[in-house]
Protein backbone atom coordinates (compact mmCIF):
# COMPACT_ATOMS: atom_id res chain seq x y z
CA THR A 1 10.43 2.57 7.11
CA SER A 2 11.94 0.80 4.13
CA VAL A 3 10.52 1.06 0.63
CA ASN A 4 10.85 -1.86 -1.77
CA GLY A 5 9.48 -2.60 -5.22
CA VAL A 6 6.63 -5.10 -5.09
CA SER A 7 5.80 -7.61 -7.81
CA ASN A 8 2.38 -8.74 -9.03
CA VAL A 9 0.52 -5.57 -8.06
CA GLU A 10 -2.39 -5.21 -10.47
CA LEU A 11 -2.52 -1.68 -11.90
CA GLN A 12 -5.24 -0.30 -14.11
CA LEU A 13 -5.27 2.53 -16.63
CA VAL A 14 -8.76 4.07 -16.57
CA ASN A 15 -10.13 6.57 -19.09
CA THR A 16 -12.37 9.56 -18.35
CA ASN A 17 -15.47 7.37 -18.86
CA GLY A 18 -14.36 5.13 -15.98
CA GLU A 19 -13.47 2.27 -18.33
CA VAL A 20 -10.38 0.14 -17.68
CA VAL A 21 -8.30 0.59 -20.84
CA GLN A 22 -5.38 -1.63 -19.76
CA GLN A 23 -4.41 -3.70 -16.76
CA VAL A 24 -0.84 -4.78 -16.01
CA LYS A 25 1.03 -6.44 -13.15
CA THR A 26 4.21 -4.99 -11.73
CA ALA A 27 7.51 -6.79 -12.40
CA PHE A 28 9.78 -8.23 -9.69
CA ASP A 29 11.12 -4.75 -8.92
CA GLY A 30 7.79 -2.93 -8.98
CA PHE A 31 8.27 -1.61 -12.53
CA TYR A 32 5.24 -1.43 -14.81
CA LEU A 33 4.49 -0.16 -18.29
CA PHE A 34 1.30 0.60 -20.18
CA THR A 35 1.97 0.52 -23.93
CA ASN A 36 0.27 1.96 -27.02
CA VAL A 37 -1.90 4.34 -25.01
CA PRO A 38 -3.92 6.78 -27.12
CA PRO A 39 -3.56 10.47 -26.20
CA GLY A 40 -5.86 11.66 -23.44
CA ARG A 41 -6.41 11.98 -19.69
CA TYR A 42 -6.27 8.86 -17.56
CA VAL A 43 -6.12 7.65 -13.99
CA VAL A 44 -3.69 4.96 -12.88
CA ARG A 45 -4.94 2.96 -9.91
CA VAL A 46 -4.33 -0.23 -8.03
CA SER A 47 -7.02 -2.76 -8.93
CA PRO A 48 -9.93 -2.36 -6.50
CA ASP A 49 -10.41 -6.16 -6.55
CA GLN A 50 -6.82 -6.72 -5.43
CA ILE A 51 -7.12 -4.09 -2.69
CA LYS A 52 -10.23 -5.80 -1.35
CA ARG A 53 -8.83 -9.34 -1.74
CA LEU A 54 -5.60 -8.52 0.13
CA ASN A 55 -7.22 -6.12 2.61
CA LEU A 56 -4.89 -3.26 1.66
CA LYS A 57 -5.22 0.45 2.33
CA GLU A 58 -6.30 2.03 -0.94
CA PRO A 59 -3.61 4.37 -2.26
CA PRO A 60 -4.79 7.51 -4.06
CA ASP A 61 -5.33 7.29 -7.80
CA ARG A 62 -2.77 9.10 -9.97
CA GLU A 63 -3.82 11.29 -12.87
CA VAL A 64 -1.74 11.18 -16.05
CA VAL A 65 -2.01 12.99 -19.37
CA ILE A 66 -0.73 11.36 -22.53
CA GLU A 67 0.05 13.89 -25.24
CA GLY A 68 -0.01 13.08 -28.95
CA ASN A 69 3.79 13.23 -29.25
CA GLY A 70 4.79 9.82 -27.87
CA THR A 71 4.70 10.94 -24.26
CA ILE A 72 6.47 8.78 -21.71
CA VAL A 73 5.22 9.41 -18.19
CA GLY A 74 7.44 8.30 -15.32
CA GLY A 75 7.40 8.49 -11.57
CA VAL A 76 3.80 7.40 -11.10
CA ASP A 77 4.49 5.42 -7.93
CA PHE A 78 2.19 3.90 -5.33
CA THR A 79 2.74 3.05 -1.69
CA ILE A 80 1.03 -0.21 -0.75
CA SER A 81 0.33 -1.08 2.88
CA ASN A 82 -2.14 -3.03 4.97
C-alpha cells in the first residue's frame, strides 16, 4: 500500500460547541494549515459533505489542543480511502 499526499481535501476545525471555526483545503502535497486559532480544544475532521459527495470511508476525527503560547500542532494526518 502506498501513501501519497492528496490535494483539495476539505478539512474542518471544529470547536467544542460543534461549530466549524475554519475550513481549509489541502495543498498539492497534502499539507494544510489552520491559522490564528484561539486557545482551546478542537477536533480536526474531513468535511462530512466531501466524504458523502465522494463516497469515501470516514476517517476518525482528530482531537487537538491549542495552548495560549503560540502552539504549533503537527502530525495530524488522515488516511482517505473509498
